[in-house]
Structure formats: structure tokens, C-alpha cells
Amino acid sequence: MTSKFNVLPKCKHYSCMVDLLGRAGLLNESEEVINNMPIKPDDSVWGALFFACRIHKNIEMGERAGFKLVELDPSDGGIYVLLASM
């Protein structure tokens, strides 16, 4: 993307990739994208993985993503509810 279009990938680009891979059921690949990001993943990136894990019922990975969301914004009560219903 950088060499061909001279565009530096931002969190929203990574979030789209994580979401696409997650919806396709490629959860390990999705988490690998996050772990190899050259920038710090934000809540949209972790949220994309979290919701993909809920869809595909991968509780262990979903909890990891959920706890990252809690780290980013501990005052967001919604994530606690979603984690409890995982």
C-alpha cells in the first residue's frame, strides 16, 4: 500500500482487514494482523476481532480481545456486558 499508492496504513485500514478476516472465520490470521501492526491497535481494531470471535464462538480469543478493549477504556460499561454474555 505504501510503495504502490504512497499511503501509510492507519488504524482504520487495519480495522477493516481484521474485520474482513474475522467475518471469513480466519480468526488466527486476524489476530496475527493485530500482533504485527507497526502502530498501536485502537478500540476499533480490537472491537472487530472481538465481534468476529462472538460470531464464530471463539471464547478464548474473544476474551483476550475483550480485555484489551477494557484496557483501552475501562469506563465503557458496554464491553463488560458483552464479555459477560460471551
N, C-alpha and C. Protein backbone atom coordinates (compact mmCIF):
# COMPACT_ATOMS: atom_id res chain seq x y z
N MET A 1 0.83 -1.18 0.00
CA MET A 1 0.00 0.00 0.00
C MET A 1 0.88 1.26 0.00
N THR A 2 1.93 1.21 0.79
CA THR A 2 2.81 2.37 0.87
C THR A 2 3.61 2.54 -0.40
N SER A 3 4.18 1.45 -0.90
CA SER A 3 5.04 1.57 -2.08
C SER A 3 4.25 1.83 -3.36
N LYS A 4 3.06 1.26 -3.46
CA LYS A 4 2.29 1.40 -4.70
C LYS A 4 1.46 2.69 -4.74
N PHE A 5 0.83 3.02 -3.61
CA PHE A 5 -0.09 4.16 -3.60
C PHE A 5 0.40 5.32 -2.74
N ASN A 6 1.56 5.15 -2.10
CA ASN A 6 2.12 6.18 -1.23
C ASN A 6 1.16 6.58 -0.11
N VAL A 7 0.49 5.57 0.45
CA VAL A 7 -0.45 5.78 1.55
C VAL A 7 0.02 4.95 2.74
N LEU A 8 0.22 5.61 3.87
CA LEU A 8 0.59 4.89 5.08
C LEU A 8 -0.67 4.31 5.72
N PRO A 9 -0.67 3.01 6.01
CA PRO A 9 -1.85 2.41 6.64
C PRO A 9 -2.06 2.97 8.05
N LYS A 10 -3.31 3.26 8.35
CA LYS A 10 -3.71 3.76 9.67
C LYS A 10 -4.56 2.70 10.35
N CYS A 11 -4.97 2.99 11.57
CA CYS A 11 -5.76 2.02 12.33
C CYS A 11 -7.03 1.62 11.59
N LYS A 12 -7.66 2.56 10.89
CA LYS A 12 -8.90 2.21 10.19
C LYS A 12 -8.65 1.20 9.08
N HIS A 13 -7.49 1.23 8.45
CA HIS A 13 -7.15 0.25 7.43
C HIS A 13 -6.97 -1.13 8.05
N TYR A 14 -6.25 -1.17 9.18
CA TYR A 14 -6.05 -2.43 9.87
C TYR A 14 -7.38 -2.96 10.42
N SER A 15 -8.21 -2.07 10.91
CA SER A 15 -9.52 -2.48 11.42
C SER A 15 -10.34 -3.16 10.33
N CYS A 16 -10.30 -2.63 9.13
CA CYS A 16 -11.02 -3.24 8.00
C CYS A 16 -10.47 -4.63 7.69
N MET A 17 -9.15 -4.77 7.72
CA MET A 17 -8.54 -6.08 7.45
C MET A 17 -8.92 -7.10 8.52
N VAL A 18 -8.87 -6.68 9.78
CA VAL A 18 -9.24 -7.57 10.88
C VAL A 18 -10.71 -7.97 10.75
N ASP A 19 -11.56 -7.01 10.41
CA ASP A 19 -12.98 -7.29 10.25
C ASP A 19 -13.23 -8.27 9.10
N LEU A 20 -12.60 -8.04 7.96
CA LEU A 20 -12.78 -8.93 6.81
C LEU A 20 -12.31 -10.35 7.11
N LEU A 21 -11.13 -10.46 7.68
CA LEU A 21 -10.61 -11.79 8.02
C LEU A 21 -11.50 -12.46 9.08
N GLY A 22 -11.93 -11.68 10.05
CA GLY A 22 -12.78 -12.23 11.11
C GLY A 22 -14.12 -12.71 10.59
N ARG A 23 -14.74 -11.95 9.74
CA ARG A 23 -16.03 -12.37 9.17
C ARG A 23 -15.90 -13.63 8.34
N ALA A 24 -14.72 -13.81 7.74
CA ALA A 24 -14.46 -15.02 6.94
C ALA A 24 -14.10 -16.21 7.83
N GLY A 25 -14.02 -15.99 9.14
CA GLY A 25 -13.69 -17.07 10.05
C GLY A 25 -12.20 -17.29 10.23
N LEU A 26 -11.40 -16.41 9.68
CA LEU A 26 -9.94 -16.53 9.78
C LEU A 26 -9.45 -15.76 11.01
N LEU A 27 -9.85 -16.24 12.17
CA LEU A 27 -9.59 -15.52 13.41
C LEU A 27 -8.10 -15.49 13.77
N ASN A 28 -7.40 -16.58 13.56
CA ASN A 28 -5.96 -16.58 13.86
C ASN A 28 -5.22 -15.58 12.98
N GLU A 29 -5.58 -15.53 11.71
CA GLU A 29 -4.96 -14.57 10.80
C GLU A 29 -5.30 -13.14 11.20
N SER A 30 -6.53 -12.96 11.66
CA SER A 30 -6.98 -11.65 12.11
C SER A 30 -6.17 -11.18 13.31
N GLU A 31 -5.96 -12.08 14.27
CA GLU A 31 -5.17 -11.73 15.44
C GLU A 31 -3.71 -11.50 15.07
N GLU A 32 -3.23 -12.25 14.09
CA GLU A 32 -1.85 -12.07 13.62
C GLU A 32 -1.65 -10.68 13.01
N VAL A 33 -2.64 -10.19 12.28
CA VAL A 33 -2.56 -8.83 11.73
C VAL A 33 -2.39 -7.83 12.87
N ILE A 34 -3.18 -8.01 13.92
CA ILE A 34 -3.11 -7.10 15.07
C ILE A 34 -1.73 -7.17 15.72
N ASN A 35 -1.25 -8.38 15.94
CA ASN A 35 0.05 -8.55 16.61
C ASN A 35 1.22 -8.02 15.80
N ASN A 36 1.06 -7.91 14.49
CA ASN A 36 2.15 -7.43 13.63
C ASN A 36 1.97 -5.99 13.17
N MET A 37 0.98 -5.30 13.72
CA MET A 37 0.77 -3.90 13.34
C MET A 37 1.95 -3.04 13.79
N PRO A 38 2.43 -2.14 12.94
CA PRO A 38 3.52 -1.26 13.34
C PRO A 38 3.05 -0.10 14.21
N ILE A 39 1.74 0.04 14.36
CA ILE A 39 1.17 1.08 15.22
C ILE A 39 0.33 0.40 16.30
N LYS A 40 0.04 1.13 17.37
CA LYS A 40 -0.74 0.56 18.47
C LYS A 40 -2.20 0.39 18.04
N PRO A 41 -2.75 -0.83 18.18
CA PRO A 41 -4.15 -1.05 17.80
C PRO A 41 -5.09 -0.25 18.70
N ASP A 42 -6.12 0.32 18.11
CA ASP A 42 -7.10 1.07 18.89
C ASP A 42 -8.34 0.20 19.13
N ASP A 43 -9.37 0.83 19.70
CA ASP A 43 -10.58 0.07 20.05
C ASP A 43 -11.33 -0.47 18.84
N SER A 44 -11.21 0.19 17.70
CA SER A 44 -11.91 -0.32 16.51
C SER A 44 -11.27 -1.62 16.01
N VAL A 45 -9.97 -1.73 16.15
CA VAL A 45 -9.26 -2.94 15.73
C VAL A 45 -9.61 -4.10 16.67
N TRP A 46 -9.50 -3.86 17.98
CA TRP A 46 -9.82 -4.91 18.94
C TRP A 46 -11.31 -5.24 18.91
N GLY A 47 -12.14 -4.24 18.68
CA GLY A 47 -13.58 -4.49 18.59
C GLY A 47 -13.94 -5.37 17.41
N ALA A 48 -13.26 -5.17 16.29
CA ALA A 48 -13.52 -6.00 15.11
C ALA A 48 -13.19 -7.46 15.41
N LEU A 49 -12.08 -7.69 16.09
CA LEU A 49 -11.72 -9.06 16.46
C LEU A 49 -12.70 -9.62 17.48
N PHE A 50 -13.07 -8.81 18.46
CA PHE A 50 -14.00 -9.26 19.50
C PHE A 50 -15.32 -9.72 18.89
N PHE A 51 -15.90 -8.92 18.01
CA PHE A 51 -17.20 -9.29 17.44
C PHE A 51 -17.09 -10.48 16.49
N ALA A 52 -15.96 -10.62 15.81
CA ALA A 52 -15.76 -11.81 14.98
C ALA A 52 -15.69 -13.05 15.85
N CYS A 53 -15.06 -12.93 17.00
CA CYS A 53 -14.98 -14.06 17.92
C CYS A 53 -16.36 -14.43 18.47
N ARG A 54 -17.19 -13.44 18.71
CA ARG A 54 -18.56 -13.73 19.17
C ARG A 54 -19.33 -14.45 18.09
N ILE A 55 -19.19 -14.02 16.86
CA ILE A 55 -19.91 -14.65 15.75
C ILE A 55 -19.48 -16.10 15.60
N HIS A 56 -18.18 -16.35 15.67
CA HIS A 56 -17.64 -17.68 15.42
C HIS A 56 -17.43 -18.49 16.71
N LYS A 57 -17.90 -17.93 17.82
CA LYS A 57 -17.88 -18.61 19.11
C LYS A 57 -16.49 -19.07 19.57
N ASN A 58 -15.51 -18.20 19.37
CA ASN A 58 -14.16 -18.46 19.87
C ASN A 58 -14.01 -17.66 21.17
N ILE A 59 -14.37 -18.31 22.26
CA ILE A 59 -14.44 -17.62 23.55
C ILE A 59 -13.06 -17.18 24.04
N GLU A 60 -12.08 -18.04 23.92
CA GLU A 60 -10.74 -17.72 24.44
C GLU A 60 -10.16 -16.48 23.76
N MET A 61 -10.20 -16.44 22.45
CA MET A 61 -9.67 -15.29 21.73
C MET A 61 -10.55 -14.06 21.96
N GLY A 62 -11.85 -14.28 22.04
CA GLY A 62 -12.77 -13.18 22.30
C GLY A 62 -12.51 -12.52 23.64
N GLU A 63 -12.19 -13.33 24.64
CA GLU A 63 -11.87 -12.77 25.95
C GLU A 63 -10.59 -11.94 25.90
N ARG A 64 -9.60 -12.44 25.16
CA ARG A 64 -8.35 -11.66 25.02
C ARG A 64 -8.64 -10.30 24.39
N ALA A 65 -9.43 -10.31 23.32
CA ALA A 65 -9.77 -9.05 22.65
C ALA A 65 -10.60 -8.16 23.56
N GLY A 66 -11.53 -8.77 24.29
CA GLY A 66 -12.37 -8.00 25.21
C GLY A 66 -11.57 -7.34 26.31
N PHE A 67 -10.60 -8.07 26.86
CA PHE A 67 -9.77 -7.49 27.91
C PHE A 67 -8.90 -6.35 27.37
N LYS A 68 -8.48 -6.44 26.13
CA LYS A 68 -7.75 -5.32 25.51
C LYS A 68 -8.67 -4.10 25.39
N LEU A 69 -9.93 -4.34 25.04
CA LEU A 69 -10.89 -3.23 24.97
C LEU A 69 -11.08 -2.59 26.34
N VAL A 70 -11.14 -3.40 27.38
CA VAL A 70 -11.28 -2.88 28.74
C VAL A 70 -10.04 -2.06 29.11
N GLU A 71 -8.85 -2.53 28.73
CA GLU A 71 -7.62 -1.77 29.00
C GLU A 71 -7.67 -0.40 28.33
N LEU A 72 -8.20 -0.35 27.11
CA LEU A 72 -8.23 0.92 26.37
C LEU A 72 -9.24 1.90 26.96
N ASP A 73 -10.38 1.38 27.46
CA ASP A 73 -11.40 2.26 28.03
C ASP A 73 -12.14 1.55 29.16
N PRO A 74 -11.55 1.56 30.36
CA PRO A 74 -12.17 0.84 31.48
C PRO A 74 -13.53 1.41 31.90
N SER A 75 -13.85 2.63 31.49
CA SER A 75 -15.12 3.23 31.89
C SER A 75 -16.27 2.85 30.95
N ASP A 76 -15.99 2.12 29.88
CA ASP A 76 -17.04 1.70 28.94
C ASP A 76 -17.73 0.46 29.49
N GLY A 77 -18.89 0.66 30.07
CA GLY A 77 -19.64 -0.44 30.68
C GLY A 77 -20.14 -1.47 29.69
N GLY A 78 -20.32 -1.06 28.45
CA GLY A 78 -20.86 -1.96 27.44
C GLY A 78 -19.99 -3.17 27.19
N ILE A 79 -18.68 -2.98 27.23
CA ILE A 79 -17.79 -4.11 26.96
C ILE A 79 -17.88 -5.15 28.07
N TYR A 80 -18.14 -4.70 29.31
CA TYR A 80 -18.29 -5.65 30.41
C TYR A 80 -19.53 -6.52 30.19
N VAL A 81 -20.59 -5.91 29.72
CA VAL A 81 -21.82 -6.66 29.44
C VAL A 81 -21.57 -7.67 28.32
N LEU A 82 -20.89 -7.23 27.26
CA LEU A 82 -20.60 -8.13 26.15
C LEU A 82 -19.68 -9.27 26.58
N LEU A 83 -18.70 -8.97 27.41
CA LEU A 83 -17.81 -10.03 27.91
C LEU A 83 -18.58 -11.03 28.76
N ALA A 84 -19.49 -10.54 29.57
CA ALA A 84 -20.27 -11.43 30.44
C ALA A 84 -21.17 -12.35 29.63
N SER A 85 -21.61 -11.89 28.47
CA SER A 85 -22.51 -12.71 27.66
C SER A 85 -21.78 -13.52 26.59
N MET A 86 -20.46 -13.53 26.65
CA MET A 86 -19.65 -14.24 25.65
C MET A 86 -19.88 -15.72 25.73
